[in-house]
C-alpha cells in the first residue's frame, strides 16, 4: 500500500476543514469518515502547497492515487460500521472495526 507524505496528508486535511461551514466535532471518530471521504474524492487532483512555495504537492503516481483512493473508500465504510456499532453500544465490535483501519497496534477491547 503506498502512502502519501505527511505534508500532503496534512494539507488535504487542512483543505477539508477550510471548506467546512460548521465547527469541527471534538470527537475524532465523528470527523474521521468525512475526512477520509474528502481524501477519496480529492486524491486524484492537484493539492496546492499552502505556503505557496511548491505549487502542486501531490506528486503521487496515478497507480498510487488509485490505491489510496480505493483504501480511503474501504476505510470510510469500515469507519461508518464502527460508528454504527458504537451508536448501538457495542464497543467491542466498534473498537475491532477501528483496528481494521489503524492496524495491529491499535488497542484491543478487553
PDB file of N, CA and C in Angstrom:
ATOM      1  N   UNK A   1       0.846  -1.181   0.000  1.00  0.00           N
ATOM      2  CA  UNK A   1       0.000   0.000   0.000  1.00  0.00           C
ATOM      3  C   UNK A   1       0.886   1.238   0.000  1.00  0.00           C
ATOM      4  N   UNK A   2       0.735   2.095  -0.988  1.00  0.00           N
ATOM      5  CA  UNK A   2       1.520   3.338  -0.984  1.00  0.00           C
ATOM      6  C   UNK A   2       1.029   4.277   0.105  1.00  0.00           C
ATOM      7  N   UNK A   3       1.881   5.188   0.467  1.00  0.00           N
ATOM      8  CA  UNK A   3       1.475   6.208   1.430  1.00  0.00           C
ATOM      9  C   UNK A   3       1.811   7.576   0.854  1.00  0.00           C
ATOM     10  N   UNK A   4       1.100   8.554   1.348  1.00  0.00           N
ATOM     11  CA  UNK A   4       1.386   9.923   0.918  1.00  0.00           C
ATOM     12  C   UNK A   4       2.266  10.585   1.969  1.00  0.00           C
ATOM     13  N   UNK A   5       2.949  11.626   1.580  1.00  0.00           N
ATOM     14  CA  UNK A   5       3.782  12.350   2.539  1.00  0.00           C
ATOM     15  C   UNK A   5       2.891  12.961   3.621  1.00  0.00           C
ATOM     16  N   UNK A   6       3.480  13.147   4.785  1.00  0.00           N
ATOM     17  CA  UNK A   6       2.697  13.755   5.867  1.00  0.00           C
ATOM     18  C   UNK A   6       2.265  15.165   5.487  1.00  0.00           C
ATOM     19  N   UNK A   7       3.093  15.869   4.726  1.00  0.00           N
ATOM     20  CA  UNK A   7       2.739  17.233   4.315  1.00  0.00           C
ATOM     21  C   UNK A   7       1.523  17.223   3.389  1.00  0.00           C
ATOM     22  N   UNK A   8       1.470  16.266   2.465  1.00  0.00           N
ATOM     23  CA  UNK A   8       0.313  16.154   1.582  1.00  0.00           C
ATOM     24  C   UNK A   8      -0.924  15.806   2.395  1.00  0.00           C
ATOM     25  N   UNK A   9      -0.818  14.841   3.296  1.00  0.00           N
ATOM     26  CA  UNK A   9      -1.954  14.455   4.132  1.00  0.00           C
ATOM     27  C   UNK A   9      -2.429  15.632   4.983  1.00  0.00           C
ATOM     28  N   UNK A  10      -1.511  16.301   5.635  1.00  0.00           N
ATOM     29  CA  UNK A  10      -1.861  17.449   6.476  1.00  0.00           C
ATOM     30  C   UNK A  10      -2.534  18.546   5.659  1.00  0.00           C
ATOM     31  N   UNK A  11      -2.017  18.794   4.471  1.00  0.00           N
ATOM     32  CA  UNK A  11      -2.600  19.831   3.612  1.00  0.00           C
ATOM     33  C   UNK A  11      -4.009  19.447   3.179  1.00  0.00           C
ATOM     34  N   UNK A  12      -4.215  18.181   2.831  1.00  0.00           N
ATOM     35  CA  UNK A  12      -5.555  17.742   2.444  1.00  0.00           C
ATOM     36  C   UNK A  12      -6.533  17.867   3.610  1.00  0.00           C
ATOM     37  N   UNK A  13      -6.079  17.541   4.805  1.00  0.00           N
ATOM     38  CA  UNK A  13      -6.947  17.681   5.977  1.00  0.00           C
ATOM     39  C   UNK A  13      -7.256  19.156   6.231  1.00  0.00           C
ATOM     40  N   UNK A  14      -6.247  20.008   6.109  1.00  0.00           N
ATOM     41  CA  UNK A  14      -6.488  21.454   6.257  1.00  0.00           C
ATOM     42  C   UNK A  14      -7.473  21.960   5.205  1.00  0.00           C
ATOM     43  N   UNK A  15      -7.319  21.491   3.973  1.00  0.00           N
ATOM     44  CA  UNK A  15      -8.241  21.899   2.909  1.00  0.00           C
ATOM     45  C   UNK A  15      -9.665  21.462   3.229  1.00  0.00           C
ATOM     46  N   UNK A  16      -9.815  20.264   3.772  1.00  0.00           N
ATOM     47  CA  UNK A  16     -11.148  19.788   4.155  1.00  0.00           C
ATOM     48  C   UNK A  16     -11.770  20.732   5.177  1.00  0.00           C
ATOM     49  N   UNK A  17     -11.023  21.064   6.222  1.00  0.00           N
ATOM     50  CA  UNK A  17     -11.577  21.901   7.282  1.00  0.00           C
ATOM     51  C   UNK A  17     -11.770  23.347   6.838  1.00  0.00           C
ATOM     52  N   UNK A  18     -10.964  23.826   5.919  1.00  0.00           N
ATOM     53  CA  UNK A  18     -11.167  25.183   5.404  1.00  0.00           C
ATOM     54  C   UNK A  18     -12.471  25.283   4.621  1.00  0.00           C
ATOM     55  N   UNK A  19     -12.887  24.172   4.000  1.00  0.00           N
ATOM     56  CA  UNK A  19     -14.114  24.171   3.222  1.00  0.00           C
ATOM     57  C   UNK A  19     -15.380  23.959   4.028  1.00  0.00           C
ATOM     58  N   UNK A  20     -15.239  23.667   5.310  1.00  0.00           N
ATOM     59  CA  UNK A  20     -16.403  23.419   6.162  1.00  0.00           C
ATOM     60  C   UNK A  20     -17.012  24.724   6.637  1.00  0.00           C
ATOM     61  N   UNK A  21     -18.333  24.716   6.728  1.00  0.00           N
ATOM     62  CA  UNK A  21     -19.020  25.891   7.261  1.00  0.00           C
ATOM     63  C   UNK A  21     -19.390  25.700   8.722  1.00  0.00           C
ATOM     64  N   UNK A  22     -19.350  24.459   9.201  1.00  0.00           N
ATOM     65  CA  UNK A  22     -19.672  24.194  10.591  1.00  0.00           C
ATOM     66  C   UNK A  22     -18.397  23.891  11.373  1.00  0.00           C
ATOM     67  N   UNK A  23     -18.517  23.968  12.664  1.00  0.00           N
ATOM     68  CA  UNK A  23     -17.394  23.724  13.559  1.00  0.00           C
ATOM     69  C   UNK A  23     -17.072  22.231  13.604  1.00  0.00           C
ATOM     70  N   UNK A  24     -15.803  21.893  13.717  1.00  0.00           N
ATOM     71  CA  UNK A  24     -15.376  20.502  13.825  1.00  0.00           C
ATOM     72  C   UNK A  24     -15.796  19.931  15.172  1.00  0.00           C
ATOM     73  N   UNK A  25     -16.158  18.662  15.163  1.00  0.00           N
ATOM     74  CA  UNK A  25     -16.508  17.972  16.400  1.00  0.00           C
ATOM     75  C   UNK A  25     -15.246  17.734  17.212  1.00  0.00           C
ATOM     76  N   UNK A  26     -15.392  17.693  18.505  1.00  0.00           N
ATOM     77  CA  UNK A  26     -14.257  17.366  19.368  1.00  0.00           C
ATOM     78  C   UNK A  26     -13.952  15.874  19.360  1.00  0.00           C
ATOM     79  N   UNK A  27     -14.834  15.080  18.761  1.00  0.00           N
ATOM     80  CA  UNK A  27     -14.669  13.639  18.734  1.00  0.00           C
ATOM     81  C   UNK A  27     -14.110  13.207  17.381  1.00  0.00           C
ATOM     82  N   UNK A  28     -12.898  12.684  17.398  1.00  0.00           N
ATOM     83  CA  UNK A  28     -12.194  12.309  16.170  1.00  0.00           C
ATOM     84  C   UNK A  28     -12.980  11.260  15.383  1.00  0.00           C
ATOM     85  N   UNK A  29     -13.597  10.320  16.083  1.00  0.00           N
ATOM     86  CA  UNK A  29     -14.312   9.256  15.377  1.00  0.00           C
ATOM     87  C   UNK A  29     -15.503   9.776  14.583  1.00  0.00           C
ATOM     88  N   UNK A  30     -16.044  10.895  14.980  1.00  0.00           N
ATOM     89  CA  UNK A  30     -17.138  11.505  14.225  1.00  0.00           C
ATOM     90  C   UNK A  30     -16.591  12.199  12.979  1.00  0.00           C
ATOM     91  N   UNK A  31     -15.445  12.819  13.098  1.00  0.00           N
ATOM     92  CA  UNK A  31     -14.832  13.552  11.994  1.00  0.00           C
ATOM     93  C   UNK A  31     -14.181  12.634  10.956  1.00  0.00           C
ATOM     94  N   UNK A  32     -13.632  11.533  11.415  1.00  0.00           N
ATOM     95  CA  UNK A  32     -12.800  10.675  10.567  1.00  0.00           C
ATOM     96  C   UNK A  32     -13.461  10.245   9.255  1.00  0.00           C
ATOM     97  N   UNK A  33     -14.693   9.722   9.258  1.00  0.00           N
ATOM     98  CA  UNK A  33     -15.283   9.290   7.977  1.00  0.00           C
ATOM     99  C   UNK A  33     -15.359  10.413   6.944  1.00  0.00           C
ATOM    100  N   UNK A  34     -15.675  11.617   7.378  1.00  0.00           N
ATOM    101  CA  UNK A  34     -15.783  12.736   6.439  1.00  0.00           C
ATOM    102  C   UNK A  34     -14.419  13.147   5.885  1.00  0.00           C
ATOM    103  N   UNK A  35     -13.397  13.086   6.722  1.00  0.00           N
ATOM    104  CA  UNK A  35     -12.046  13.405   6.260  1.00  0.00           C
ATOM    105  C   UNK A  35     -11.590  12.368   5.236  1.00  0.00           C
ATOM    106  N   UNK A  36     -11.852  11.100   5.529  1.00  0.00           N
ATOM    107  CA  UNK A  36     -11.480  10.028   4.600  1.00  0.00           C
ATOM    108  C   UNK A  36     -12.246  10.170   3.283  1.00  0.00           C
ATOM    109  N   UNK A  37     -13.516  10.532   3.360  1.00  0.00           N
ATOM    110  CA  UNK A  37     -14.300  10.748   2.135  1.00  0.00           C
ATOM    111  C   UNK A  37     -13.704  11.897   1.324  1.00  0.00           C
ATOM    112  N   UNK A  38     -13.254  12.942   2.002  1.00  0.00           N
ATOM    113  CA  UNK A  38     -12.624  14.068   1.304  1.00  0.00           C
ATOM    114  C   UNK A  38     -11.363  13.602   0.575  1.00  0.00           C
ATOM    115  N   UNK A  39     -10.546  12.827   1.259  1.00  0.00           N
ATOM    116  CA  UNK A  39      -9.324  12.311   0.630  1.00  0.00           C
ATOM    117  C   UNK A  39      -9.683  11.456  -0.579  1.00  0.00           C
ATOM    118  N   UNK A  40     -10.658  10.589  -0.418  1.00  0.00           N
ATOM    119  CA  UNK A  40     -11.118   9.745  -1.535  1.00  0.00           C
ATOM    120  C   UNK A  40     -11.517  10.599  -2.739  1.00  0.00           C
ATOM    121  N   UNK A  41     -12.244  11.663  -2.487  1.00  0.00           N
ATOM    122  CA  UNK A  41     -12.774  12.498  -3.566  1.00  0.00           C
ATOM    123  C   UNK A  41     -11.762  13.476  -4.157  1.00  0.00           C
ATOM    124  N   UNK A  42     -10.649  13.714  -3.461  1.00  0.00           N
ATOM    125  CA  UNK A  42      -9.706  14.739  -3.919  1.00  0.00           C
ATOM    126  C   UNK A  42      -8.293  14.244  -4.191  1.00  0.00           C
ATOM    127  N   UNK A  43      -7.998  12.990  -3.938  1.00  0.00           N
ATOM    128  CA  UNK A  43      -6.632  12.484  -4.098  1.00  0.00           C
ATOM    129  C   UNK A  43      -6.171  12.509  -5.557  1.00  0.00           C
ATOM    130  N   UNK A  44      -7.086  12.442  -6.492  1.00  0.00           N
ATOM    131  CA  UNK A  44      -6.705  12.403  -7.905  1.00  0.00           C
ATOM    132  C   UNK A  44      -6.300  13.780  -8.445  1.00  0.00           C
ATOM    133  N   UNK A  45      -6.658  14.827  -7.736  1.00  0.00           N
ATOM    134  CA  UNK A  45      -6.404  16.175  -8.235  1.00  0.00           C
ATOM    135  C   UNK A  45      -5.153  16.811  -7.657  1.00  0.00           C
ATOM    136  N   UNK A  46      -4.926  18.027  -8.084  1.00  0.00           N
ATOM    137  CA  UNK A  46      -3.801  18.814  -7.574  1.00  0.00           C
ATOM    138  C   UNK A  46      -4.100  19.252  -6.146  1.00  0.00           C
ATOM    139  N   UNK A  47      -3.052  19.330  -5.354  1.00  0.00           N
ATOM    140  CA  UNK A  47      -3.147  19.847  -3.989  1.00  0.00           C
ATOM    141  C   UNK A  47      -2.075  20.926  -3.875  1.00  0.00           C
ATOM    142  N   UNK A  48      -2.516  22.153  -3.823  1.00  0.00           N
ATOM    143  CA  UNK A  48      -1.575  23.265  -3.802  1.00  0.00           C
ATOM    144  C   UNK A  48      -0.908  23.413  -2.439  1.00  0.00           C
ATOM    145  N   UNK A  49       0.370  23.718  -2.488  1.00  0.00           N
ATOM    146  CA  UNK A  49       1.158  23.980  -1.287  1.00  0.00           C
ATOM    147  C   UNK A  49       0.562  25.199  -0.590  1.00  0.00           C
ATOM    148  N   UNK A  50       0.112  25.065   0.662  1.00  0.00           N
ATOM    149  CA  UNK A  50      -0.493  26.211   1.341  1.00  0.00           C
ATOM    150  C   UNK A  50       0.496  27.347   1.591  1.00  0.00           C
ATOM    151  N   UNK A  51       1.791  27.033   1.562  1.00  0.00           N
ATOM    152  CA  UNK A  51       2.803  28.079   1.741  1.00  0.00           C
ATOM    153  C   UNK A  51       3.074  28.818   0.439  1.00  0.00           C
ATOM    154  N   UNK A  52       2.567  28.271  -0.674  1.00  0.00           N
ATOM    155  CA  UNK A  52       2.764  28.900  -1.966  1.00  0.00           C
ATOM    156  C   UNK A  52       4.161  28.741  -2.530  1.00  0.00           C
ATOM    157  N   UNK A  53       4.929  27.784  -2.028  1.00  0.00           N
ATOM    158  CA  UNK A  53       6.306  27.623  -2.475  1.00  0.00           C
ATOM    159  C   UNK A  53       6.483  26.568  -3.562  1.00  0.00           C
ATOM    160  N   UNK A  54       5.686  25.480  -3.489  1.00  0.00           N
ATOM    161  CA  UNK A  54       5.933  24.335  -4.354  1.00  0.00           C
ATOM    162  C   UNK A  54       4.872  24.102  -5.423  1.00  0.00           C
ATOM    163  N   UNK A  55       3.805  24.823  -5.424  1.00  0.00           N
ATOM    164  CA  UNK A  55       2.728  24.526  -6.362  1.00  0.00           C
ATOM    165  C   UNK A  55       2.000  23.269  -5.937  1.00  0.00           C
ATOM    166  N   UNK A  56       1.759  22.362  -6.881  1.00  0.00           N
ATOM    167  CA  UNK A  56       1.068  21.110  -6.596  1.00  0.00           C
ATOM    168  C   UNK A  56       2.009  20.172  -5.839  1.00  0.00           C
ATOM    169  N   UNK A  57       1.612  19.796  -4.626  1.00  0.00           N
ATOM    170  CA  UNK A  57       2.442  18.895  -3.827  1.00  0.00           C
ATOM    171  C   UNK A  57       1.995  17.439  -3.952  1.00  0.00           C
ATOM    172  N   UNK A  58       0.982  17.186  -4.765  1.00  0.00           N
ATOM    173  CA  UNK A  58       0.517  15.815  -4.972  1.00  0.00           C
ATOM    174  C   UNK A  58       1.309  15.195  -6.115  1.00  0.00           C
ATOM    175  N   UNK A  59       2.459  14.630  -5.770  1.00  0.00           N
ATOM    176  CA  UNK A  59       3.334  14.027  -6.774  1.00  0.00           C
ATOM    177  C   UNK A  59       3.167  12.508  -6.852  1.00  0.00           C
ATOM    178  N   UNK A  60       2.087  11.998  -6.292  1.00  0.00           N
ATOM    179  CA  UNK A  60       1.827  10.566  -6.358  1.00  0.00           C
ATOM    180  C   UNK A  60       1.596  10.140  -7.807  1.00  0.00           C
ATOM    181  N   UNK A  61       1.979   8.914  -8.116  1.00  0.00           N
ATOM    182  CA  UNK A  61       1.697   8.385  -9.446  1.00  0.00           C
ATOM    183  C   UNK A  61       0.207   8.066  -9.549  1.00  0.00           C
ATOM    184  N   UNK A  62      -0.255   7.873 -10.763  1.00  0.00           N
ATOM    185  CA  UNK A  62      -1.653   7.517 -10.972  1.00  0.00           C
ATOM    186  C   UNK A  62      -1.993   6.239 -10.214  1.00  0.00           C
ATOM    187  N   UNK A  63      -1.128   5.230 -10.287  1.00  0.00           N
ATOM    188  CA  UNK A  63      -1.354   3.961  -9.603  1.00  0.00           C
ATOM    189  C   UNK A  63      -1.423   4.161  -8.083  1.00  0.00           C
ATOM    190  N   UNK A  64      -0.551   4.974  -7.535  1.00  0.00           N
ATOM    191  CA  UNK A  64      -0.573   5.251  -6.096  1.00  0.00           C
ATOM    192  C   UNK A  64      -1.869   5.965  -5.704  1.00  0.00           C
ATOM    193  N   UNK A  65      -2.297   6.914  -6.525  1.00  0.00           N
ATOM    194  CA  UNK A  65      -3.538   7.631  -6.247  1.00  0.00           C
ATOM    195  C   UNK A  65      -4.740   6.685  -6.248  1.00  0.00           C
ATOM    196  N   UNK A  66      -4.785   5.775  -7.213  1.00  0.00           N
ATOM    197  CA  UNK A  66      -5.891   4.810  -7.290  1.00  0.00           C
ATOM    198  C   UNK A  66      -5.904   3.926  -6.045  1.00  0.00           C
ATOM    199  N   UNK A  67      -4.750   3.455  -5.631  1.00  0.00           N
ATOM    200  CA  UNK A  67      -4.679   2.589  -4.452  1.00  0.00           C
ATOM    201  C   UNK A  67      -5.111   3.338  -3.191  1.00  0.00           C
ATOM    202  N   UNK A  68      -4.673   4.574  -3.045  1.00  0.00           N
ATOM    203  CA  UNK A  68      -5.073   5.379  -1.887  1.00  0.00           C
ATOM    204  C   UNK A  68      -6.566   5.676  -1.946  1.00  0.00           C
ATOM    205  N   UNK A  69      -7.064   5.979  -3.121  1.00  0.00           N
ATOM    206  CA  UNK A  69      -8.499   6.244  -3.284  1.00  0.00           C
ATOM    207  C   UNK A  69      -9.326   5.011  -2.891  1.00  0.00           C
ATOM    208  N   UNK A  70      -8.910   3.840  -3.345  1.00  0.00           N
ATOM    209  CA  UNK A  70      -9.619   2.607  -3.009  1.00  0.00           C
ATOM    210  C   UNK A  70      -9.551   2.308  -1.510  1.00  0.00           C
ATOM    211  N   UNK A  71      -8.376   2.513  -0.916  1.00  0.00           N
ATOM    212  CA  UNK A  71      -8.224   2.289   0.526  1.00  0.00           C
ATOM    213  C   UNK A  71      -9.078   3.271   1.315  1.00  0.00           C
ATOM    214  N   UNK A  72      -9.149   4.506   0.859  1.00  0.00           N
ATOM    215  CA  UNK A  72      -9.983   5.502   1.534  1.00  0.00           C
ATOM    216  C   UNK A  72     -11.456   5.096   1.480  1.00  0.00           C
ATOM    217  N   UNK A  73     -11.901   4.549   0.362  1.00  0.00           N
ATOM    218  CA  UNK A  73     -13.293   4.090   0.244  1.00  0.00           C
ATOM    219  C   UNK A  73     -13.556   2.946   1.216  1.00  0.00           C
ATOM    220  N   UNK A  74     -12.629   2.008   1.284  1.00  0.00           N
ATOM    221  CA  UNK A  74     -12.776   0.886   2.211  1.00  0.00           C
ATOM    222  C   UNK A  74     -12.785   1.381   3.657  1.00  0.00           C
ATOM    223  N   UNK A  75     -11.827   2.239   3.989  1.00  0.00           N
ATOM    224  CA  UNK A  75     -11.739   2.760   5.353  1.00  0.00           C
ATOM    225  C   UNK A  75     -12.972   3.576   5.722  1.00  0.00           C
ATOM    226  N   UNK A  76     -13.527   4.291   4.776  1.00  0.00           N
ATOM    227  CA  UNK A  76     -14.757   5.051   5.031  1.00  0.00           C
ATOM    228  C   UNK A  76     -15.872   4.095   5.461  1.00  0.00           C
ATOM    229  N   UNK A  77     -16.058   3.019   4.705  1.00  0.00           N
ATOM    230  CA  UNK A  77     -17.127   2.067   5.022  1.00  0.00           C
ATOM    231  C   UNK A  77     -16.896   1.387   6.363  1.00  0.00           C
ATOM    232  N   UNK A  78     -15.657   1.058   6.675  1.00  0.00           N
ATOM    233  CA  UNK A  78     -15.342   0.440   7.968  1.00  0.00           C
ATOM    234  C   UNK A  78     -15.584   1.445   9.099  1.00  0.00           C
ATOM    235  N   UNK A  79     -15.211   2.697   8.894  1.00  0.00           N
ATOM    236  CA  UNK A  79     -15.427   3.729   9.911  1.00  0.00           C
ATOM    237  C   UNK A  79     -16.917   3.943  10.169  1.00  0.00           C
ATOM    238  N   UNK A  80     -17.710   3.919   9.124  1.00  0.00           N
ATOM    239  CA  UNK A  80     -19.165   4.052   9.291  1.00  0.00           C
ATOM    240  C   UNK A  80     -19.697   2.871  10.102  1.00  0.00           C
ATOM    241  N   UNK A  81     -19.209   1.674   9.811  1.00  0.00           N
ATOM    242  CA  UNK A  81     -19.624   0.494  10.576  1.00  0.00           C
ATOM    243  C   UNK A  81     -19.199   0.628  12.044  1.00  0.00           C
ATOM    244  N   UNK A  82     -17.985   1.121  12.278  1.00  0.00           N
ATOM    245  CA  UNK A  82     -17.507   1.312  13.651  1.00  0.00           C
ATOM    246  C   UNK A  82     -18.406   2.290  14.401  1.00  0.00           C
ATOM    247  N   UNK A  83     -18.791   3.362  13.739  1.00  0.00           N
ATOM    248  CA  UNK A  83     -19.685   4.350  14.356  1.00  0.00           C
ATOM    249  C   UNK A  83     -21.050   3.740  14.657  1.00  0.00           C
ATOM    250  N   UNK A  84     -21.552   2.911  13.752  1.00  0.00           N
ATOM    251  CA  UNK A  84     -22.842   2.261  13.980  1.00  0.00           C
ATOM    252  C   UNK A  84     -22.778   1.323  15.181  1.00  0.00           C
ATOM    253  N   UNK A  85     -21.696   0.552  15.289  1.00  0.00           N
ATOM    254  CA  UNK A  85     -21.541  -0.314  16.455  1.00  0.00           C
ATOM    255  C   UNK A  85     -21.516   0.518  17.741  1.00  0.00           C
ATOM    256  N   UNK A  86     -20.798   1.633  17.710  1.00  0.00           N
ATOM    257  CA  UNK A  86     -20.738   2.493  18.894  1.00  0.00           C
ATOM    258  C   UNK A  86     -22.119   3.045  19.226  1.00  0.00           C
ATOM    259  N   UNK A  87     -22.843   3.495  18.225  1.00  0.00           N
ATOM    260  CA  UNK A  87     -24.193   4.020  18.457  1.00  0.00           C
ATOM    261  C   UNK A  87     -25.121   2.967  19.050  1.00  0.00           C
ATOM    262  N   UNK A  88     -24.851   1.696  18.745  1.00  0.00           N
ATOM    263  CA  UNK A  88     -25.643   0.589  19.286  1.00  0.00           C
ATOM    264  C   UNK A  88     -25.049   0.020  20.569  1.00  0.00           C
ATOM    265  N   UNK A  89     -24.086   0.750  21.148  1.00  0.00           N
ATOM    266  CA  UNK A  89     -23.444   0.387  22.422  1.00  0.00           C
ATOM    267  C   UNK A  89     -22.650  -0.919  22.363  1.00  0.00           C
ATOM    268  N   UNK A  90     -22.203  -1.301  21.179  1.00  0.00           N
ATOM    269  CA  UNK A  90     -21.362  -2.494  21.008  1.00  0.00           C
ATOM    270  C   UNK A  90     -19.919  -2.018  20.837  1.00  0.00           C
ATOM    271  N   UNK A  91     -19.296  -1.669  21.964  1.00  0.00           N
ATOM    272  CA  UNK A  91     -17.963  -1.069  21.930  1.00  0.00           C
ATOM    273  C   UNK A  91     -16.897  -2.056  21.457  1.00  0.00           C
ATOM    274  N   UNK A  92     -17.038  -3.315  21.803  1.00  0.00           N
ATOM    275  CA  UNK A  92     -16.054  -4.306  21.385  1.00  0.00           C
ATOM    276  C   UNK A  92     -15.997  -4.388  19.862  1.00  0.00           C
ATOM    277  N   UNK A  93     -17.140  -4.468  19.205  1.00  0.00           N
ATOM    278  CA  UNK A  93     -17.177  -4.525  17.741  1.00  0.00           C
ATOM    279  C   UNK A  93     -16.699  -3.214  17.127  1.00  0.00           C
ATOM    280  N   UNK A  94     -17.059  -2.097  17.748  1.00  0.00           N
ATOM    281  CA  UNK A  94     -16.631  -0.790  17.252  1.00  0.00           C
ATOM    282  C   UNK A  94     -15.109  -0.679  17.270  1.00  0.00           C
ATOM    283  N   UNK A  95     -14.510  -1.022  18.394  1.00  0.00           N
ATOM    284  CA  UNK A  95     -13.054  -0.932  18.504  1.00  0.00           C
ATOM    285  C   UNK A  95     -12.383  -1.913  17.545  1.00  0.00           C
ATOM    286  N   UNK A  96     -12.988  -3.075  17.364  1.00  0.00           N
ATOM    287  CA  UNK A  96     -12.460  -4.032  16.387  1.00  0.00           C
ATOM    288  C   UNK A  96     -12.442  -3.457  14.984  1.00  0.00           C
ATOM    289  N   UNK A  97     -13.502  -2.724  14.623  1.00  0.00           N
ATOM    290  CA  UNK A  97     -13.554  -2.097  13.293  1.00  0.00           C
ATOM    291  C   UNK A  97     -12.478  -1.023  13.161  1.00  0.00           C
ATOM    292  N   UNK A  98     -12.300  -0.202  14.203  1.00  0.00           N
ATOM    293  CA  UNK A  98     -11.243   0.818  14.145  1.00  0.00           C
ATOM    294  C   UNK A  98      -9.881   0.155  13.979  1.00  0.00           C
ATOM    295  N   UNK A  99      -9.699  -0.991  14.606  1.00  0.00           N
ATOM    296  CA  UNK A  99      -8.452  -1.736  14.460  1.00  0.00           C
ATOM    297  C   UNK A  99      -8.211  -2.191  13.035  1.00  0.00           C
ATOM    298  N   UNK A 100      -9.290  -2.466  12.286  1.00  0.00           N
ATOM    299  CA  UNK A 100      -9.147  -2.831  10.879  1.00  0.00           C
ATOM    300  C   UNK A 100      -8.538  -1.681  10.076  1.00  0.00           C
ATOM    301  N   UNK A 101      -8.839  -0.477  10.476  1.00  0.00           N
ATOM    302  CA  UNK A 101      -8.309   0.701   9.778  1.00  0.00           C
ATOM    303  C   UNK A 101      -6.893   1.012  10.238  1.00  0.00           C
ATOM    304  N   UNK A 102      -6.686   1.032  11.545  1.00  0.00           N
ATOM    305  CA  UNK A 102      -5.429   1.523  12.097  1.00  0.00           C
ATOM    306  C   UNK A 102      -4.385   0.450  12.360  1.00  0.00           C
ATOM    307  N   UNK A 103      -4.749  -0.819  12.184  1.00  0.00           N
ATOM    308  CA  UNK A 103      -3.761  -1.883  12.243  1.00  0.00           C
ATOM    309  C   UNK A 103      -3.602  -2.528  13.599  1.00  0.00           C
ATOM    310  N   UNK A 104      -2.678  -3.435  13.672  1.00  0.00           N
ATOM    311  CA  UNK A 104      -2.486  -4.293  14.842  1.00  0.00           C
ATOM    312  C   UNK A 104      -2.013  -3.534  16.089  1.00  0.00           C
ATOM    313  N   UNK A 105      -1.469  -2.364  15.911  1.00  0.00           N
ATOM    314  CA  UNK A 105      -1.013  -1.569  17.057  1.00  0.00           C
ATOM    315  C   UNK A 105      -2.163  -0.833  17.737  1.00  0.00           C
ATOM    316  N   UNK A 106      -3.326  -0.807  17.088  1.00  0.00           N
ATOM    317  CA  UNK A 106      -4.494  -0.146  17.703  1.00  0.00           C
ATOM    318  C   UNK A 106      -4.919  -0.949  18.917  1.00  0.00           C
ATOM    319  N   UNK A 107      -5.260  -0.279  20.017  1.00  0.00           N
ATOM    320  CA  UNK A 107      -5.634  -1.005  21.239  1.00  0.00           C
ATOM    321  C   UNK A 107      -6.804  -1.965  21.023  1.00  0.00           C
ATOM    322  N   UNK A 108      -6.748  -3.067  21.711  1.00  0.00           N
ATOM    323  CA  UNK A 108      -7.801  -4.079  21.662  1.00  0.00           C
ATOM    324  C   UNK A 108      -8.803  -3.813  22.782  1.00  0.00           C
ATOM    325  N   UNK A 109     -10.002  -4.309  22.590  1.00  0.00           N
ATOM    326  CA  UNK A 109     -11.036  -4.207  23.624  1.00  0.00           C
ATOM    327  C   UNK A 109     -10.951  -5.455  24.495  1.00  0.00           C
ATOM    328  N   UNK A 110     -10.852  -5.256  25.796  1.00  0.00           N
ATOM    329  CA  UNK A 110     -10.798  -6.394  26.730  1.00  0.00           C
ATOM    330  C   UNK A 110     -11.919  -6.308  27.720  1.00  0.00           C
TER     331      UNK A 110
END
